């Protein structure tokens, strides 16, 4: 039993960054922070960005080695951010605090985006694409959202209606209608994503869009557009051959 316990301790010790009791790396950390203040992350390599993030989970340690290990294991900064909490702890060998910090970064992007977006005027397709796209960053599943606007096309809210594939049967029309009414919407735009694939609308997407347009019309709320966010671009159904659905 003692041999097993010692083996585990030794294995854990190998995954921990080197301690820095004499604060040898404090100057390095301050230089990196000053550089970030001056230029943002311009010129930083991906492992340097990870290294700097980990400053705030590892006190007085050299996080450069940990950052290199993570990049080597996962392949890129994006892949580290996309890894699950469980994988970061079990296979990335990170403590809970570091894994939570990493998972907070992509999760905070839509919160920040939503806070900035409220009360802006969304009067064209490009603005709608810019509104919806950040909400789907790093998602590995389909998600359906509705943006609710007042009569001046100012955003009142942007809400998740359901998660999973978009089909006529999967949409909770009552939840969608309640979200629009509670947000005092004069009109709405809807969006969903196609993770790791083209934003080209499927037959189910088209059918669901028609159903939503008719349902919202019955309560005097206009459907402006349906934005589909793909792996590398976003598509407006109003801009494509489906404009007849909306007019």
Foldseek 3Di string as FASTA:
>chain_A
DVVVVVVVVVVLVVLDFDAAVVLPCVVVLVVLVVVCVVPNCVPPAQLRVLQNLCCVVDPRGRCSVLSVLLCVVQVGNLSLLLDDLVCCVPVSVDDNVSSVSSPVVLVCQLVVLFVVQAFDADDDDVSVQVSPQSVCPSDPWKWKKKWFAAPRRGTQDIDTQDTHDQALVPGPLVSVVVVRVVSVGQEMEMEMEDEADDQPDDPRNLVNLLVNQVSCVVVNYAYDWYWYHYHPGIDTCCPDPNVVSRD
